[in-house]
Each structure stands twice: as structure tokens, then as C-alpha cells.
Amino acid sequence: MYTTFSPAGPSARLNIDAEFLSPGIVRVAAVGEIDLSNSHVLHVRLLNVLSTLRPHRIEVDLAGVTFLDCGGLAVLVVVGQAADRAGCCVRVTNPQPLVRRLLKLTGLLDALTAGCVPPPPAATTATVTASAGILVAL
């Protein structure tokens, strides 16, 4: 699956593409500038990917992003929190030097670029029973 979204109008400085990398992993690539005037486009697109495709990981590729301001940072944090609640991980990849510096200065670089930790395995009866302080041989 491959989709492209480009906002209409003279300020169309942001293009967003989404594609499956592998089962459960979606790459969302942004190209252009992300600022207060268009960060809502990225926000809507990422939430749409999260709710319709239900991946376990979303890779937000910022290789083509030449500018990112507080609006873009807020989107990455808010969508990351929403994804976490949905059992998904959002990871930023390939930030350009200017974007990387902004992420580092705000303390978000490690949090947004860290590898995704797979969810813990579902609890089993033995696990639940042992956690209740009762040892049962199954």
C-alpha cells in the first residue's frame, strides 16, 4: 500500500507518503517543512495510519524535512502518546542535522529515535497465579 497526501494551496510545503515496510510496520515519510501552519496535516495523517492500519510500529522518516518547529514537535509527542495507548510504537528516523539538533535541544532525541520495545507476552494462568503469590504446578 502506498498513499500520498499533499495539502492544497500556495503553502503546500509538506508532502506525506505512507507505505508498509513489512507486516505491522508502516513508514510515513514527510518531505518539506513542518511548522504551525501545516503540522495539523502530519497529525491527521499519523492518526489516520494508526487508526486504520493498526500497525505495531510507525516509522516517521524525516530525511526530507528541512524545518521542524514546536508544532511539529508537539505532533510527534502527542501521536507517540496516542500510539502507545493503542499498543503501537512511533519512532523517528533519519532526522536531518537541523531537526536532529532541535530534538536534542528539547530532550526528545532519545525518546523519539529509540528502538521500539516489543510488547510483553500476554499473561498466562501460571504467570498470573505466580504473581498472586500462589505457586501452582501446571
N, C-alpha and C. Protein backbone atom coordinates (compact mmCIF):
# COMPACT_ATOMS: atom_id res chain seq x y z
N MET A 1 0.84 -1.17 0.00
CA MET A 1 0.00 0.00 0.00
C MET A 1 0.89 1.23 0.00
N TYR A 2 0.55 2.18 -0.80
CA TYR A 2 1.32 3.41 -0.90
C TYR A 2 0.34 4.54 -1.15
N THR A 3 0.36 5.53 -0.29
CA THR A 3 -0.53 6.66 -0.47
C THR A 3 0.26 7.95 -0.34
N THR A 4 -0.21 8.97 -0.99
CA THR A 4 0.43 10.28 -0.93
C THR A 4 -0.61 11.30 -0.54
N PHE A 5 -0.22 12.22 0.31
CA PHE A 5 -1.10 13.31 0.67
C PHE A 5 -0.31 14.60 0.56
N SER A 6 -0.81 15.52 -0.21
CA SER A 6 -0.20 16.85 -0.34
C SER A 6 -1.29 17.88 -0.10
N PRO A 7 -1.06 18.80 0.84
CA PRO A 7 -2.07 19.81 1.08
C PRO A 7 -2.23 20.73 -0.12
N ALA A 8 -3.44 21.20 -0.34
CA ALA A 8 -3.69 22.11 -1.46
C ALA A 8 -3.40 23.54 -1.04
N GLY A 9 -3.14 24.38 -1.99
CA GLY A 9 -2.94 25.80 -1.69
C GLY A 9 -1.51 26.23 -1.90
N PRO A 10 -1.28 27.53 -1.83
CA PRO A 10 0.03 28.08 -2.09
C PRO A 10 1.07 27.72 -1.04
N SER A 11 0.65 27.34 0.16
CA SER A 11 1.62 26.99 1.19
C SER A 11 1.87 25.49 1.25
N ALA A 12 1.71 24.82 0.13
CA ALA A 12 1.90 23.38 0.08
C ALA A 12 3.39 23.05 0.16
N ARG A 13 3.93 23.12 1.37
CA ARG A 13 5.35 22.86 1.57
C ARG A 13 5.59 21.53 2.23
N LEU A 14 4.57 20.69 2.35
CA LEU A 14 4.71 19.42 3.04
C LEU A 14 4.02 18.32 2.25
N ASN A 15 4.76 17.27 1.97
CA ASN A 15 4.21 16.07 1.34
C ASN A 15 4.42 14.91 2.30
N ILE A 16 3.43 14.04 2.37
CA ILE A 16 3.50 12.90 3.27
C ILE A 16 3.12 11.64 2.51
N ASP A 17 4.00 10.64 2.56
CA ASP A 17 3.76 9.34 1.93
C ASP A 17 3.75 8.27 3.02
N ALA A 18 2.93 7.26 2.85
CA ALA A 18 2.89 6.14 3.78
C ALA A 18 2.99 4.85 3.00
N GLU A 19 3.76 3.92 3.53
CA GLU A 19 3.90 2.61 2.89
C GLU A 19 4.20 1.55 3.94
N PHE A 20 3.77 0.31 3.65
CA PHE A 20 4.11 -0.81 4.52
C PHE A 20 5.55 -1.20 4.26
N LEU A 21 6.35 -1.31 5.32
CA LEU A 21 7.71 -1.84 5.20
C LEU A 21 7.68 -3.36 5.31
N SER A 22 6.88 -3.83 6.22
CA SER A 22 6.67 -5.26 6.45
C SER A 22 5.38 -5.38 7.25
N PRO A 23 4.89 -6.59 7.45
CA PRO A 23 3.64 -6.71 8.20
C PRO A 23 3.75 -6.02 9.57
N GLY A 24 2.84 -5.12 9.84
CA GLY A 24 2.80 -4.44 11.13
C GLY A 24 3.67 -3.20 11.24
N ILE A 25 4.43 -2.89 10.21
CA ILE A 25 5.31 -1.72 10.25
C ILE A 25 4.98 -0.81 9.07
N VAL A 26 4.65 0.45 9.38
CA VAL A 26 4.32 1.44 8.37
C VAL A 26 5.35 2.55 8.43
N ARG A 27 5.85 2.93 7.26
CA ARG A 27 6.78 4.05 7.14
C ARG A 27 6.00 5.25 6.64
N VAL A 28 6.07 6.35 7.39
CA VAL A 28 5.44 7.60 6.99
C VAL A 28 6.58 8.58 6.74
N ALA A 29 6.75 8.97 5.48
CA ALA A 29 7.83 9.88 5.10
C ALA A 29 7.28 11.27 4.86
N ALA A 30 7.87 12.24 5.52
CA ALA A 30 7.49 13.64 5.33
C ALA A 30 8.59 14.34 4.55
N VAL A 31 8.18 15.19 3.63
CA VAL A 31 9.13 15.96 2.83
C VAL A 31 8.69 17.41 2.84
N GLY A 32 9.57 18.29 3.25
CA GLY A 32 9.27 19.72 3.29
C GLY A 32 9.49 20.29 4.66
N GLU A 33 8.73 21.32 4.96
CA GLU A 33 8.81 22.00 6.25
C GLU A 33 7.58 21.65 7.08
N ILE A 34 7.80 21.43 8.39
CA ILE A 34 6.69 21.17 9.31
C ILE A 34 6.69 22.29 10.33
N ASP A 35 5.63 23.11 10.28
CA ASP A 35 5.53 24.22 11.21
C ASP A 35 4.08 24.37 11.67
N LEU A 36 3.81 25.42 12.43
CA LEU A 36 2.46 25.62 12.96
C LEU A 36 1.39 25.71 11.89
N SER A 37 1.78 26.16 10.69
CA SER A 37 0.77 26.34 9.64
C SER A 37 0.34 25.02 9.00
N ASN A 38 1.15 23.98 9.13
CA ASN A 38 0.79 22.71 8.47
C ASN A 38 1.00 21.48 9.34
N SER A 39 1.37 21.64 10.59
CA SER A 39 1.61 20.47 11.45
C SER A 39 0.35 19.62 11.61
N HIS A 40 -0.83 20.26 11.47
CA HIS A 40 -2.08 19.50 11.56
C HIS A 40 -2.18 18.45 10.46
N VAL A 41 -1.54 18.67 9.33
CA VAL A 41 -1.56 17.71 8.23
C VAL A 41 -0.84 16.43 8.67
N LEU A 42 0.32 16.59 9.27
CA LEU A 42 1.07 15.43 9.78
C LEU A 42 0.29 14.75 10.89
N HIS A 43 -0.31 15.54 11.77
CA HIS A 43 -1.08 14.99 12.88
C HIS A 43 -2.22 14.10 12.38
N VAL A 44 -3.01 14.63 11.46
CA VAL A 44 -4.14 13.88 10.92
C VAL A 44 -3.66 12.62 10.19
N ARG A 45 -2.59 12.76 9.41
CA ARG A 45 -2.09 11.62 8.64
C ARG A 45 -1.59 10.50 9.55
N LEU A 46 -0.83 10.86 10.59
CA LEU A 46 -0.32 9.84 11.51
C LEU A 46 -1.45 9.17 12.29
N LEU A 47 -2.41 9.95 12.75
CA LEU A 47 -3.55 9.34 13.46
C LEU A 47 -4.37 8.46 12.54
N ASN A 48 -4.49 8.84 11.27
CA ASN A 48 -5.20 8.02 10.30
C ASN A 48 -4.48 6.68 10.09
N VAL A 49 -3.18 6.73 9.95
CA VAL A 49 -2.39 5.49 9.81
C VAL A 49 -2.58 4.61 11.04
N LEU A 50 -2.52 5.23 12.22
CA LEU A 50 -2.67 4.49 13.47
C LEU A 50 -4.04 3.82 13.57
N SER A 51 -5.10 4.57 13.26
CA SER A 51 -6.45 4.03 13.45
C SER A 51 -6.91 3.10 12.34
N THR A 52 -6.49 3.32 11.11
CA THR A 52 -6.98 2.48 10.03
C THR A 52 -6.10 1.28 9.75
N LEU A 53 -4.79 1.44 9.84
CA LEU A 53 -3.88 0.33 9.52
C LEU A 53 -3.50 -0.48 10.75
N ARG A 54 -3.62 0.11 11.92
CA ARG A 54 -3.32 -0.55 13.20
C ARG A 54 -1.96 -1.28 13.21
N PRO A 55 -0.90 -0.59 12.85
CA PRO A 55 0.41 -1.24 12.88
C PRO A 55 0.92 -1.36 14.31
N HIS A 56 1.95 -2.17 14.50
CA HIS A 56 2.57 -2.21 15.82
C HIS A 56 3.75 -1.23 15.89
N ARG A 57 4.16 -0.72 14.71
CA ARG A 57 5.21 0.31 14.69
C ARG A 57 5.00 1.25 13.52
N ILE A 58 5.17 2.55 13.78
CA ILE A 58 5.14 3.58 12.74
C ILE A 58 6.50 4.24 12.72
N GLU A 59 7.17 4.16 11.59
CA GLU A 59 8.46 4.82 11.40
C GLU A 59 8.19 6.16 10.73
N VAL A 60 8.49 7.25 11.39
CA VAL A 60 8.30 8.59 10.83
C VAL A 60 9.65 9.03 10.26
N ASP A 61 9.77 8.93 8.94
CA ASP A 61 11.02 9.24 8.26
C ASP A 61 11.10 10.74 7.98
N LEU A 62 12.07 11.40 8.61
CA LEU A 62 12.21 12.84 8.47
C LEU A 62 13.40 13.22 7.58
N ALA A 63 13.85 12.30 6.74
CA ALA A 63 15.00 12.58 5.87
C ALA A 63 14.75 13.77 4.96
N GLY A 64 13.52 13.99 4.57
CA GLY A 64 13.20 15.08 3.66
C GLY A 64 12.66 16.32 4.35
N VAL A 65 12.72 16.36 5.67
CA VAL A 65 12.21 17.50 6.41
C VAL A 65 13.35 18.50 6.64
N THR A 66 13.16 19.70 6.10
CA THR A 66 14.20 20.72 6.19
C THR A 66 13.98 21.68 7.35
N PHE A 67 12.79 21.67 7.94
CA PHE A 67 12.49 22.55 9.06
C PHE A 67 11.42 21.92 9.91
N LEU A 68 11.57 22.03 11.22
CA LEU A 68 10.58 21.49 12.17
C LEU A 68 10.50 22.47 13.33
N ASP A 69 9.29 22.91 13.68
CA ASP A 69 9.16 23.82 14.82
C ASP A 69 8.35 23.15 15.93
N CYS A 70 7.92 23.95 16.91
CA CYS A 70 7.21 23.40 18.06
C CYS A 70 5.91 22.70 17.67
N GLY A 71 5.28 23.15 16.59
CA GLY A 71 4.06 22.48 16.12
C GLY A 71 4.35 21.05 15.70
N GLY A 72 5.43 20.85 14.97
CA GLY A 72 5.83 19.51 14.55
C GLY A 72 6.26 18.65 15.72
N LEU A 73 7.00 19.25 16.66
CA LEU A 73 7.41 18.52 17.86
C LEU A 73 6.20 18.05 18.65
N ALA A 74 5.23 18.93 18.81
CA ALA A 74 4.02 18.58 19.56
C ALA A 74 3.29 17.42 18.90
N VAL A 75 3.21 17.44 17.57
CA VAL A 75 2.55 16.35 16.85
C VAL A 75 3.26 15.02 17.13
N LEU A 76 4.57 15.01 17.06
CA LEU A 76 5.32 13.77 17.29
C LEU A 76 5.09 13.23 18.70
N VAL A 77 5.05 14.13 19.68
CA VAL A 77 4.84 13.70 21.07
C VAL A 77 3.40 13.21 21.28
N VAL A 78 2.43 13.98 20.81
CA VAL A 78 1.02 13.62 21.01
C VAL A 78 0.67 12.32 20.28
N VAL A 79 1.12 12.18 19.05
CA VAL A 79 0.84 10.95 18.31
C VAL A 79 1.58 9.77 18.94
N GLY A 80 2.77 10.01 19.43
CA GLY A 80 3.50 8.95 20.14
C GLY A 80 2.74 8.46 21.36
N GLN A 81 2.15 9.38 22.10
CA GLN A 81 1.36 9.01 23.27
C GLN A 81 0.10 8.24 22.87
N ALA A 82 -0.57 8.70 21.82
CA ALA A 82 -1.77 8.00 21.34
C ALA A 82 -1.42 6.60 20.86
N ALA A 83 -0.30 6.50 20.16
CA ALA A 83 0.14 5.19 19.66
C ALA A 83 0.46 4.26 20.82
N ASP A 84 1.12 4.80 21.83
CA ASP A 84 1.46 3.99 23.00
C ASP A 84 0.21 3.42 23.65
N ARG A 85 -0.83 4.24 23.76
CA ARG A 85 -2.09 3.76 24.33
C ARG A 85 -2.73 2.68 23.46
N ALA A 86 -2.46 2.72 22.16
CA ALA A 86 -3.04 1.75 21.23
C ALA A 86 -2.14 0.52 21.05
N GLY A 87 -1.04 0.47 21.78
CA GLY A 87 -0.14 -0.67 21.67
C GLY A 87 0.79 -0.58 20.47
N CYS A 88 1.03 0.62 20.01
CA CYS A 88 1.88 0.87 18.85
C CYS A 88 3.06 1.74 19.29
N CYS A 89 4.13 1.67 18.54
CA CYS A 89 5.31 2.46 18.82
C CYS A 89 5.57 3.41 17.65
N VAL A 90 5.85 4.67 17.95
CA VAL A 90 6.22 5.65 16.93
C VAL A 90 7.70 5.93 17.10
N ARG A 91 8.43 5.82 15.99
CA ARG A 91 9.87 6.03 16.02
C ARG A 91 10.26 6.98 14.90
N VAL A 92 11.01 8.03 15.22
CA VAL A 92 11.51 8.97 14.23
C VAL A 92 12.81 8.44 13.66
N THR A 93 12.93 8.47 12.33
CA THR A 93 14.15 8.03 11.68
C THR A 93 14.69 9.12 10.76
N ASN A 94 15.97 9.07 10.52
CA ASN A 94 16.67 9.93 9.55
C ASN A 94 16.45 11.43 9.72
N PRO A 95 16.48 11.96 10.94
CA PRO A 95 16.32 13.41 11.06
C PRO A 95 17.54 14.13 10.48
N GLN A 96 17.29 15.17 9.72
CA GLN A 96 18.36 16.00 9.16
C GLN A 96 19.07 16.73 10.30
N PRO A 97 20.29 17.24 10.08
CA PRO A 97 21.05 17.88 11.17
C PRO A 97 20.28 18.95 11.93
N LEU A 98 19.55 19.82 11.23
CA LEU A 98 18.79 20.87 11.91
C LEU A 98 17.70 20.27 12.79
N VAL A 99 17.00 19.29 12.26
CA VAL A 99 15.92 18.64 13.01
C VAL A 99 16.51 17.84 14.17
N ARG A 100 17.59 17.14 13.93
CA ARG A 100 18.26 16.36 14.99
C ARG A 100 18.68 17.28 16.13
N ARG A 101 19.23 18.45 15.78
CA ARG A 101 19.67 19.40 16.81
C ARG A 101 18.49 19.88 17.65
N LEU A 102 17.37 20.17 16.99
CA LEU A 102 16.18 20.60 17.72
C LEU A 102 15.68 19.50 18.65
N LEU A 103 15.66 18.27 18.17
CA LEU A 103 15.24 17.15 19.00
C LEU A 103 16.17 16.99 20.20
N LYS A 104 17.45 17.16 19.97
CA LYS A 104 18.43 17.03 21.06
C LYS A 104 18.27 18.16 22.08
N LEU A 105 18.12 19.41 21.60
CA LEU A 105 17.98 20.55 22.50
C LEU A 105 16.71 20.46 23.36
N THR A 106 15.67 19.86 22.83
CA THR A 106 14.41 19.74 23.59
C THR A 106 14.37 18.48 24.45
N GLY A 107 15.41 17.66 24.36
CA GLY A 107 15.44 16.43 25.15
C GLY A 107 14.59 15.31 24.57
N LEU A 108 14.16 15.45 23.32
CA LEU A 108 13.29 14.45 22.71
C LEU A 108 14.02 13.47 21.79
N LEU A 109 15.29 13.71 21.51
CA LEU A 109 16.00 12.89 20.54
C LEU A 109 15.99 11.41 20.94
N ASP A 110 16.41 11.11 22.14
CA ASP A 110 16.47 9.71 22.56
C ASP A 110 15.08 9.08 22.63
N ALA A 111 14.12 9.82 23.14
CA ALA A 111 12.76 9.27 23.29
C ALA A 111 12.12 8.98 21.94
N LEU A 112 12.35 9.85 20.96
CA LEU A 112 11.68 9.69 19.66
C LEU A 112 12.45 8.81 18.68
N THR A 113 13.75 8.62 18.89
CA THR A 113 14.53 7.83 17.95
C THR A 113 14.93 6.47 18.51
N ALA A 114 14.61 6.21 19.75
CA ALA A 114 14.96 4.92 20.35
C ALA A 114 14.21 3.80 19.66
N GLY A 115 14.81 2.64 19.69
CA GLY A 115 14.15 1.47 19.10
C GLY A 115 12.88 1.14 19.86
N CYS A 116 11.96 0.54 19.17
CA CYS A 116 10.70 0.15 19.79
C CYS A 116 10.89 -1.14 20.56
N VAL A 117 10.38 -1.16 21.75
CA VAL A 117 10.44 -2.35 22.58
C VAL A 117 9.20 -3.18 22.31
N PRO A 118 9.38 -4.45 21.96
CA PRO A 118 8.18 -5.27 21.71
C PRO A 118 7.34 -5.39 22.97
N PRO A 119 6.03 -5.49 22.81
CA PRO A 119 5.17 -5.61 23.99
C PRO A 119 5.45 -6.91 24.72
N PRO A 120 5.27 -6.93 26.04
CA PRO A 120 5.50 -8.16 26.78
C PRO A 120 4.49 -9.22 26.36
N PRO A 121 4.88 -10.48 26.46
CA PRO A 121 3.93 -11.54 26.09
C PRO A 121 2.70 -11.49 26.99
N ALA A 122 1.60 -11.95 26.44
CA ALA A 122 0.35 -11.97 27.21
C ALA A 122 0.51 -12.85 28.44
N ALA A 123 -0.12 -12.41 29.52
CA ALA A 123 -0.03 -13.17 30.77
C ALA A 123 -0.72 -14.52 30.62
N THR A 124 -0.13 -15.52 31.19
CA THR A 124 -0.73 -16.85 31.19
C THR A 124 -1.26 -17.14 32.58
N THR A 125 -1.98 -18.21 32.71
CA THR A 125 -2.52 -18.58 34.00
C THR A 125 -1.41 -18.77 35.01
N ALA A 126 -0.32 -19.43 34.61
CA ALA A 126 0.79 -19.66 35.52
C ALA A 126 1.42 -18.34 35.95
N THR A 127 1.56 -17.41 35.02
CA THR A 127 2.15 -16.12 35.34
C THR A 127 1.26 -15.35 36.32
N VAL A 128 -0.03 -15.33 36.07
CA VAL A 128 -0.96 -14.63 36.93
C VAL A 128 -1.00 -15.27 38.30
N THR A 129 -1.02 -16.58 38.35
CA THR A 129 -1.07 -17.28 39.63
C THR A 129 0.21 -17.03 40.42
N ALA A 130 1.35 -17.06 39.77
CA ALA A 130 2.62 -16.82 40.47
C ALA A 130 2.69 -15.38 40.96
N SER A 131 2.14 -14.45 40.21
CA SER A 131 2.20 -13.06 40.64
C SER A 131 1.28 -12.80 41.82
N ALA A 132 0.31 -13.67 42.02
CA ALA A 132 -0.59 -13.51 43.17
C ALA A 132 0.02 -14.12 44.43
N GLY A 133 1.23 -14.69 44.30
CA GLY A 133 1.90 -15.26 45.46
C GLY A 133 1.53 -16.70 45.72
N ILE A 134 0.88 -17.33 44.79
CA ILE A 134 0.49 -18.72 44.94
C ILE A 134 1.25 -19.53 43.91
N LEU A 135 1.94 -20.56 44.36
CA LEU A 135 2.69 -21.39 43.44
C LEU A 135 1.85 -22.60 43.09
N VAL A 136 1.55 -22.74 41.83
CA VAL A 136 0.75 -23.85 41.35
C VAL A 136 1.53 -24.54 40.25
N ALA A 137 1.74 -25.85 40.37
CA ALA A 137 2.43 -26.61 39.33
C ALA A 137 1.41 -27.00 38.28
N LEU A 138 1.67 -26.58 37.03
CA LEU A 138 0.77 -26.91 35.94
C LEU A 138 1.42 -27.91 35.03
